[in-house]
Amino acid sequence: MTTNRLKAKVDAYIKQYVTAAPQNQIYYVTGHSRGGVIGNLLAKEMIDSYSQSKVFSYTFATPNNTTASSATDTQYKGSLVS
């Protein structure tokens, strides 16, 4: 899955360049259209991996990318901007 490959690249980047603990950072993920779908899924994976971090996902013209009931869990809640 593309999200898994991208998450591996992000993890490698963080390991090489982020000097502070990756769990205590603020991350921003963005994307448009199909990139927005991947961005949302990547943000979900980052929230799960870096539980103490703040992860923000800003996507535009994004198709619905999940029907999982866990998508409405509190840890994935954010604000919608219209």
PDB file of N, CA and C in Angstrom:
ATOM      1  N   MET A   1       0.838  -1.168   0.000  1.00  0.00           N
ATOM      2  CA  MET A   1       0.000   0.000   0.000  1.00  0.00           C
ATOM      3  C   MET A   1       0.892   1.243   0.000  1.00  0.00           C
ATOM      4  N   THR A   2       0.489   2.248  -0.740  1.00  0.00           N
ATOM      5  CA  THR A   2       1.263   3.482  -0.862  1.00  0.00           C
ATOM      6  C   THR A   2       1.484   4.144   0.487  1.00  0.00           C
ATOM      7  N   THR A   3       0.484   4.127   1.336  1.00  0.00           N
ATOM      8  CA  THR A   3       0.614   4.748   2.651  1.00  0.00           C
ATOM      9  C   THR A   3       1.735   4.098   3.457  1.00  0.00           C
ATOM     10  N   ASN A   4       1.850   2.795   3.400  1.00  0.00           N
ATOM     11  CA  ASN A   4       2.908   2.094   4.136  1.00  0.00           C
ATOM     12  C   ASN A   4       4.293   2.472   3.626  1.00  0.00           C
ATOM     13  N   ARG A   5       4.434   2.583   2.302  1.00  0.00           N
ATOM     14  CA  ARG A   5       5.728   2.981   1.735  1.00  0.00           C
ATOM     15  C   ARG A   5       6.072   4.410   2.139  1.00  0.00           C
ATOM     16  N   LEU A   6       5.080   5.288   2.102  1.00  0.00           N
ATOM     17  CA  LEU A   6       5.314   6.672   2.498  1.00  0.00           C
ATOM     18  C   LEU A   6       5.638   6.768   3.985  1.00  0.00           C
ATOM     19  N   LYS A   7       4.943   6.009   4.809  1.00  0.00           N
ATOM     20  CA  LYS A   7       5.200   6.006   6.265  1.00  0.00           C
ATOM     21  C   LYS A   7       6.623   5.539   6.540  1.00  0.00           C
ATOM     22  N   ALA A   8       7.103   4.546   5.799  1.00  0.00           N
ATOM     23  CA  ALA A   8       8.489   4.078   5.964  1.00  0.00           C
ATOM     24  C   ALA A   8       9.478   5.190   5.619  1.00  0.00           C
ATOM     25  N   LYS A   9       9.196   5.956   4.577  1.00  0.00           N
ATOM     26  CA  LYS A   9      10.065   7.078   4.191  1.00  0.00           C
ATOM     27  C   LYS A   9      10.045   8.165   5.254  1.00  0.00           C
ATOM     28  N   VAL A  10       8.870   8.475   5.779  1.00  0.00           N
ATOM     29  CA  VAL A  10       8.748   9.485   6.832  1.00  0.00           C
ATOM     30  C   VAL A  10       9.511   9.028   8.076  1.00  0.00           C
ATOM     31  N   ASP A  11       9.336   7.777   8.458  1.00  0.00           N
ATOM     32  CA  ASP A  11      10.052   7.240   9.617  1.00  0.00           C
ATOM     33  C   ASP A  11      11.571   7.340   9.433  1.00  0.00           C
ATOM     34  N   ALA A  12      12.054   7.015   8.237  1.00  0.00           N
ATOM     35  CA  ALA A  12      13.490   7.092   7.956  1.00  0.00           C
ATOM     36  C   ALA A  12      13.973   8.543   8.025  1.00  0.00           C
ATOM     37  N   TYR A  13      13.194   9.460   7.497  1.00  0.00           N
ATOM     38  CA  TYR A  13      13.548  10.877   7.549  1.00  0.00           C
ATOM     39  C   TYR A  13      13.624  11.352   8.996  1.00  0.00           C
ATOM     40  N   ILE A  14      12.613  11.004   9.787  1.00  0.00           N
ATOM     41  CA  ILE A  14      12.578  11.408  11.193  1.00  0.00           C
ATOM     42  C   ILE A  14      13.785  10.839  11.935  1.00  0.00           C
ATOM     43  N   LYS A  15      14.086   9.595  11.688  1.00  0.00           N
ATOM     44  CA  LYS A  15      15.221   8.955  12.367  1.00  0.00           C
ATOM     45  C   LYS A  15      16.537   9.655  12.029  1.00  0.00           C
ATOM     46  N   GLN A  16      16.670  10.098  10.775  1.00  0.00           N
ATOM     47  CA  GLN A  16      17.919  10.714  10.352  1.00  0.00           C
ATOM     48  C   GLN A  16      18.024  12.186  10.741  1.00  0.00           C
ATOM     49  N   TYR A  17      16.932  12.934  10.662  1.00  0.00           N
ATOM     50  CA  TYR A  17      17.028  14.387  10.794  1.00  0.00           C
ATOM     51  C   TYR A  17      16.387  15.000  12.036  1.00  0.00           C
ATOM     52  N   VAL A  18      15.496  14.306  12.697  1.00  0.00           N
ATOM     53  CA  VAL A  18      14.835  14.886  13.868  1.00  0.00           C
ATOM     54  C   VAL A  18      15.633  14.510  15.106  1.00  0.00           C
ATOM     55  N   THR A  19      16.154  15.521  15.795  1.00  0.00           N
ATOM     56  CA  THR A  19      17.011  15.258  16.936  1.00  0.00           C
ATOM     57  C   THR A  19      16.218  15.032  18.219  1.00  0.00           C
ATOM     58  N   ALA A  20      15.049  15.642  18.332  1.00  0.00           N
ATOM     59  CA  ALA A  20      14.205  15.433  19.511  1.00  0.00           C
ATOM     60  C   ALA A  20      13.424  14.136  19.340  1.00  0.00           C
ATOM     61  N   ALA A  21      12.834  13.666  20.407  1.00  0.00           N
ATOM     62  CA  ALA A  21      12.036  12.436  20.349  1.00  0.00           C
ATOM     63  C   ALA A  21      10.892  12.611  19.351  1.00  0.00           C
ATOM     64  N   PRO A  22      10.698  11.673  18.420  1.00  0.00           N
ATOM     65  CA  PRO A  22       9.640  11.813  17.420  1.00  0.00           C
ATOM     66  C   PRO A  22       8.248  11.840  18.039  1.00  0.00           C
ATOM     67  N   GLN A  23       8.128  11.363  19.269  1.00  0.00           N
ATOM     68  CA  GLN A  23       6.831  11.333  19.921  1.00  0.00           C
ATOM     69  C   GLN A  23       6.402  12.715  20.409  1.00  0.00           C
ATOM     70  N   ASN A  24       7.327  13.666  20.528  1.00  0.00           N
ATOM     71  CA  ASN A  24       7.003  14.973  21.095  1.00  0.00           C
ATOM     72  C   ASN A  24       7.047  16.088  20.058  1.00  0.00           C
ATOM     73  N   GLN A  25       6.716  15.786  18.849  1.00  0.00           N
ATOM     74  CA  GLN A  25       6.788  16.751  17.764  1.00  0.00           C
ATOM     75  C   GLN A  25       5.390  17.135  17.275  1.00  0.00           C
ATOM     76  N   ILE A  26       5.360  18.135  16.412  1.00  0.00           N
ATOM     77  CA  ILE A  26       4.138  18.503  15.704  1.00  0.00           C
ATOM     78  C   ILE A  26       4.393  18.194  14.236  1.00  0.00           C
ATOM     79  N   TYR A  27       3.472  17.449  13.641  1.00  0.00           N
ATOM     80  CA  TYR A  27       3.597  17.062  12.237  1.00  0.00           C
ATOM     81  C   TYR A  27       2.400  17.588  11.453  1.00  0.00           C
ATOM     82  N   TYR A  28       2.659  18.073  10.248  1.00  0.00           N
ATOM     83  CA  TYR A  28       1.615  18.531   9.347  1.00  0.00           C
ATOM     84  C   TYR A  28       1.670  17.675   8.088  1.00  0.00           C
ATOM     85  N   VAL A  29       0.524  17.162   7.688  1.00  0.00           N
ATOM     86  CA  VAL A  29       0.417  16.355   6.479  1.00  0.00           C
ATOM     87  C   VAL A  29      -0.615  17.030   5.594  1.00  0.00           C
ATOM     88  N   THR A  30      -0.319  17.159   4.323  1.00  0.00           N
ATOM     89  CA  THR A  30      -1.269  17.806   3.417  1.00  0.00           C
ATOM     90  C   THR A  30      -1.336  17.051   2.103  1.00  0.00           C
ATOM     91  N   GLY A  31      -2.416  17.253   1.394  1.00  0.00           N
ATOM     92  CA  GLY A  31      -2.570  16.613   0.100  1.00  0.00           C
ATOM     93  C   GLY A  31      -3.832  17.086  -0.599  1.00  0.00           C
ATOM     94  N   HIS A  32      -3.866  16.855  -1.888  1.00  0.00           N
ATOM     95  CA  HIS A  32      -5.015  17.232  -2.703  1.00  0.00           C
ATOM     96  C   HIS A  32      -5.495  16.018  -3.492  1.00  0.00           C
ATOM     97  N   SER A  33      -6.780  15.814  -3.524  1.00  0.00           N
ATOM     98  CA  SER A  33      -7.410  14.747  -4.268  1.00  0.00           C
ATOM     99  C   SER A  33      -6.864  13.385  -3.814  1.00  0.00           C
ATOM    100  N   ARG A  34      -6.267  12.614  -4.712  1.00  0.00           N
ATOM    101  CA  ARG A  34      -5.722  11.312  -4.297  1.00  0.00           C
ATOM    102  C   ARG A  34      -4.618  11.469  -3.262  1.00  0.00           C
ATOM    103  N   GLY A  35      -3.837  12.530  -3.383  1.00  0.00           N
ATOM    104  CA  GLY A  35      -2.813  12.810  -2.384  1.00  0.00           C
ATOM    105  C   GLY A  35      -3.430  13.120  -1.027  1.00  0.00           C
ATOM    106  N   GLY A  36      -4.646  13.653  -1.038  1.00  0.00           N
ATOM    107  CA  GLY A  36      -5.366  13.908   0.202  1.00  0.00           C
ATOM    108  C   GLY A  36      -5.768  12.622   0.894  1.00  0.00           C
ATOM    109  N   VAL A  37      -6.170  11.640   0.105  1.00  0.00           N
ATOM    110  CA  VAL A  37      -6.508  10.331   0.678  1.00  0.00           C
ATOM    111  C   VAL A  37      -5.283   9.743   1.359  1.00  0.00           C
ATOM    112  N   ILE A  38      -4.164   9.761   0.650  1.00  0.00           N
ATOM    113  CA  ILE A  38      -2.925   9.224   1.215  1.00  0.00           C
ATOM    114  C   ILE A  38      -2.509  10.041   2.436  1.00  0.00           C
ATOM    115  N   GLY A  39      -2.679  11.353   2.363  1.00  0.00           N
ATOM    116  CA  GLY A  39      -2.347  12.210   3.496  1.00  0.00           C
ATOM    117  C   GLY A  39      -3.165  11.876   4.730  1.00  0.00           C
ATOM    118  N   ASN A  40      -4.460  11.667   4.561  1.00  0.00           N
ATOM    119  CA  ASN A  40      -5.305  11.302   5.699  1.00  0.00           C
ATOM    120  C   ASN A  40      -4.905   9.955   6.286  1.00  0.00           C
ATOM    121  N   LEU A  41      -4.647   8.989   5.429  1.00  0.00           N
ATOM    122  CA  LEU A  41      -4.244   7.668   5.907  1.00  0.00           C
ATOM    123  C   LEU A  41      -2.871   7.717   6.582  1.00  0.00           C
ATOM    124  N   LEU A  42      -1.960   8.532   6.026  1.00  0.00           N
ATOM    125  CA  LEU A  42      -0.644   8.689   6.645  1.00  0.00           C
ATOM    126  C   LEU A  42      -0.782   9.348   8.020  1.00  0.00           C
ATOM    127  N   ALA A  43      -1.615  10.362   8.117  1.00  0.00           N
ATOM    128  CA  ALA A  43      -1.826  11.027   9.405  1.00  0.00           C
ATOM    129  C   ALA A  43      -2.359  10.040  10.437  1.00  0.00           C
ATOM    130  N   LYS A  44      -3.260   9.168  10.037  1.00  0.00           N
ATOM    131  CA  LYS A  44      -3.804   8.152  10.941  1.00  0.00           C
ATOM    132  C   LYS A  44      -2.685   7.241  11.448  1.00  0.00           C
ATOM    133  N   GLU A  45      -1.823   6.801  10.541  1.00  0.00           N
ATOM    134  CA  GLU A  45      -0.706   5.938  10.925  1.00  0.00           C
ATOM    135  C   GLU A  45       0.258   6.666  11.855  1.00  0.00           C
ATOM    136  N   MET A  46       0.485   7.950  11.608  1.00  0.00           N
ATOM    137  CA  MET A  46       1.380   8.723  12.452  1.00  0.00           C
ATOM    138  C   MET A  46       0.769   8.929  13.841  1.00  0.00           C
ATOM    139  N   ILE A  47      -0.532   9.163  13.911  1.00  0.00           N
ATOM    140  CA  ILE A  47      -1.199   9.291  15.203  1.00  0.00           C
ATOM    141  C   ILE A  47      -1.037   8.003  15.995  1.00  0.00           C
ATOM    142  N   ASP A  48      -1.198   6.879  15.324  1.00  0.00           N
ATOM    143  CA  ASP A  48      -1.055   5.583  15.990  1.00  0.00           C
ATOM    144  C   ASP A  48       0.391   5.323  16.434  1.00  0.00           C
ATOM    145  N   SER A  49       1.366   5.743  15.633  1.00  0.00           N
ATOM    146  CA  SER A  49       2.777   5.469  15.925  1.00  0.00           C
ATOM    147  C   SER A  49       3.384   6.432  16.933  1.00  0.00           C
ATOM    148  N   TYR A  50       3.040   7.690  16.823  1.00  0.00           N
ATOM    149  CA  TYR A  50       3.631   8.726  17.669  1.00  0.00           C
ATOM    150  C   TYR A  50       2.546   9.291  18.572  1.00  0.00           C
ATOM    151  N   SER A  51       2.162   8.526  19.566  1.00  0.00           N
ATOM    152  CA  SER A  51       0.987   8.842  20.377  1.00  0.00           C
ATOM    153  C   SER A  51       1.082  10.168  21.125  1.00  0.00           C
ATOM    154  N   GLN A  52       2.260  10.634  21.453  1.00  0.00           N
ATOM    155  CA  GLN A  52       2.395  11.900  22.176  1.00  0.00           C
ATOM    156  C   GLN A  52       2.508  13.101  21.247  1.00  0.00           C
ATOM    157  N   SER A  53       2.619  12.855  19.961  1.00  0.00           N
ATOM    158  CA  SER A  53       2.772  13.931  18.995  1.00  0.00           C
ATOM    159  C   SER A  53       1.424  14.525  18.632  1.00  0.00           C
ATOM    160  N   LYS A  54       1.496  15.706  18.059  1.00  0.00           N
ATOM    161  CA  LYS A  54       0.312  16.321  17.470  1.00  0.00           C
ATOM    162  C   LYS A  54       0.454  16.186  15.966  1.00  0.00           C
ATOM    163  N   VAL A  55      -0.534  15.583  15.341  1.00  0.00           N
ATOM    164  CA  VAL A  55      -0.516  15.379  13.895  1.00  0.00           C
ATOM    165  C   VAL A  55      -1.725  16.094  13.311  1.00  0.00           C
ATOM    166  N   PHE A  56      -1.465  16.965  12.358  1.00  0.00           N
ATOM    167  CA  PHE A  56      -2.525  17.703  11.688  1.00  0.00           C
ATOM    168  C   PHE A  56      -2.542  17.313  10.219  1.00  0.00           C
ATOM    169  N   SER A  57      -3.715  17.013   9.712  1.00  0.00           N
ATOM    170  CA  SER A  57      -3.875  16.649   8.309  1.00  0.00           C
ATOM    171  C   SER A  57      -4.779  17.677   7.636  1.00  0.00           C
ATOM    172  N   TYR A  58      -4.229  18.367   6.645  1.00  0.00           N
ATOM    173  CA  TYR A  58      -4.990  19.347   5.876  1.00  0.00           C
ATOM    174  C   TYR A  58      -5.093  18.827   4.458  1.00  0.00           C
ATOM    175  N   THR A  59      -6.282  18.436   4.068  1.00  0.00           N
ATOM    176  CA  THR A  59      -6.469  17.871   2.731  1.00  0.00           C
ATOM    177  C   THR A  59      -7.554  18.636   1.998  1.00  0.00           C
ATOM    178  N   PHE A  60      -7.484  18.597   0.676  1.00  0.00           N
ATOM    179  CA  PHE A  60      -8.380  19.368  -0.171  1.00  0.00           C
ATOM    180  C   PHE A  60      -8.954  18.475  -1.267  1.00  0.00           C
ATOM    181  N   ALA A  61     -10.245  18.615  -1.503  1.00  0.00           N
ATOM    182  CA  ALA A  61     -10.936  17.838  -2.547  1.00  0.00           C
ATOM    183  C   ALA A  61     -10.638  16.349  -2.386  1.00  0.00           C
ATOM    184  N   THR A  62     -10.780  15.876  -1.158  1.00  0.00           N
ATOM    185  CA  THR A  62     -10.420  14.501  -0.822  1.00  0.00           C
ATOM    186  C   THR A  62     -11.633  13.591  -0.888  1.00  0.00           C
ATOM    187  N   PRO A  63     -11.549  12.504  -1.648  1.00  0.00           N
ATOM    188  CA  PRO A  63     -12.644  11.542  -1.643  1.00  0.00           C
ATOM    189  C   PRO A  63     -12.730  10.808  -0.301  1.00  0.00           C
ATOM    190  N   ASN A  64     -13.863  10.239  -0.010  1.00  0.00           N
ATOM    191  CA  ASN A  64     -14.022   9.438   1.201  1.00  0.00           C
ATOM    192  C   ASN A  64     -13.058   8.257   1.105  1.00  0.00           C
ATOM    193  N   ASN A  65     -12.273   8.038   2.166  1.00  0.00           N
ATOM    194  CA  ASN A  65     -11.262   6.990   2.076  1.00  0.00           C
ATOM    195  C   ASN A  65     -11.419   5.886   3.102  1.00  0.00           C
ATOM    196  N   THR A  66     -12.515   5.883   3.862  1.00  0.00           N
ATOM    197  CA  THR A  66     -12.710   4.785   4.798  1.00  0.00           C
ATOM    198  C   THR A  66     -14.180   4.649   5.157  1.00  0.00           C
ATOM    199  N   THR A  67     -14.531   3.436   5.493  1.00  0.00           N
ATOM    200  CA  THR A  67     -15.855   3.167   6.047  1.00  0.00           C
ATOM    201  C   THR A  67     -15.715   2.536   7.425  1.00  0.00           C
ATOM    202  N   ALA A  68     -14.484   2.518   7.945  1.00  0.00           N
ATOM    203  CA  ALA A  68     -14.213   1.904   9.249  1.00  0.00           C
ATOM    204  C   ALA A  68     -14.914   2.680  10.356  1.00  0.00           C
ATOM    205  N   SER A  69     -15.526   1.965  11.256  1.00  0.00           N
ATOM    206  CA  SER A  69     -16.204   2.623  12.369  1.00  0.00           C
ATOM    207  C   SER A  69     -15.215   3.337  13.281  1.00  0.00           C
ATOM    208  N   SER A  70     -13.957   2.899  13.308  1.00  0.00           N
ATOM    209  CA  SER A  70     -12.951   3.533  14.160  1.00  0.00           C
ATOM    210  C   SER A  70     -12.560   4.926  13.657  1.00  0.00           C
ATOM    211  N   ALA A  71     -12.968   5.282  12.451  1.00  0.00           N
ATOM    212  CA  ALA A  71     -12.623   6.592  11.896  1.00  0.00           C
ATOM    213  C   ALA A  71     -13.204   7.729  12.718  1.00  0.00           C
ATOM    214  N   THR A  72     -14.227   7.454  13.494  1.00  0.00           N
ATOM    215  CA  THR A  72     -14.838   8.501  14.313  1.00  0.00           C
ATOM    216  C   THR A  72     -14.330   8.481  15.752  1.00  0.00           C
ATOM    217  N   ASP A  73     -13.314   7.676  16.043  1.00  0.00           N
ATOM    218  CA  ASP A  73     -12.741   7.636  17.388  1.00  0.00           C
ATOM    219  C   ASP A  73     -12.174   9.001  17.761  1.00  0.00           C
ATOM    220  N   THR A  74     -12.183   9.301  19.033  1.00  0.00           N
ATOM    221  CA  THR A  74     -11.752  10.596  19.549  1.00  0.00           C
ATOM    222  C   THR A  74     -10.340  10.957  19.107  1.00  0.00           C
ATOM    223  N   GLN A  75      -9.438  10.000  19.065  1.00  0.00           N
ATOM    224  CA  GLN A  75      -8.046  10.303  18.711  1.00  0.00           C
ATOM    225  C   GLN A  75      -7.893  10.815  17.284  1.00  0.00           C
ATOM    226  N   TYR A  76      -8.890  10.573  16.428  1.00  0.00           N
ATOM    227  CA  TYR A  76      -8.811  11.020  15.034  1.00  0.00           C
ATOM    228  C   TYR A  76      -9.690  12.231  14.767  1.00  0.00           C
ATOM    229  N   LYS A  77     -10.286  12.792  15.792  1.00  0.00           N
ATOM    230  CA  LYS A  77     -11.184  13.932  15.609  1.00  0.00           C
ATOM    231  C   LYS A  77     -10.391  15.174  15.267  1.00  0.00           C
ATOM    232  N   GLY A  78     -10.961  15.969  14.431  1.00  0.00           N
ATOM    233  CA  GLY A  78     -10.374  17.236  14.082  1.00  0.00           C
ATOM    234  C   GLY A  78     -11.470  18.222  13.741  1.00  0.00           C
ATOM    235  N   SER A  79     -11.087  19.320  13.195  1.00  0.00           N
ATOM    236  CA  SER A  79     -12.061  20.330  12.805  1.00  0.00           C
ATOM    237  C   SER A  79     -12.173  20.349  11.298  1.00  0.00           C
ATOM    238  N   LEU A  80     -13.359  20.465  10.810  1.00  0.00           N
ATOM    239  CA  LEU A  80     -13.588  20.602   9.384  1.00  0.00           C
ATOM    240  C   LEU A  80     -13.666  22.072   9.053  1.00  0.00           C
ATOM    241  N   VAL A  81     -12.995  22.455   7.983  1.00  0.00           N
ATOM    242  CA  VAL A  81     -13.029  23.838   7.514  1.00  0.00           C
ATOM    243  C   VAL A  81     -13.733  23.828   6.179  1.00  0.00           C
ATOM    244  N   SER A  82     -14.764  24.639   6.056  1.00  0.00           N
ATOM    245  CA  SER A  82     -15.473  24.671   4.769  1.00  0.00           C
ATOM    246  C   SER A  82     -15.054  25.852   3.936  1.00  0.00           C
TER     247      SER A  82
END
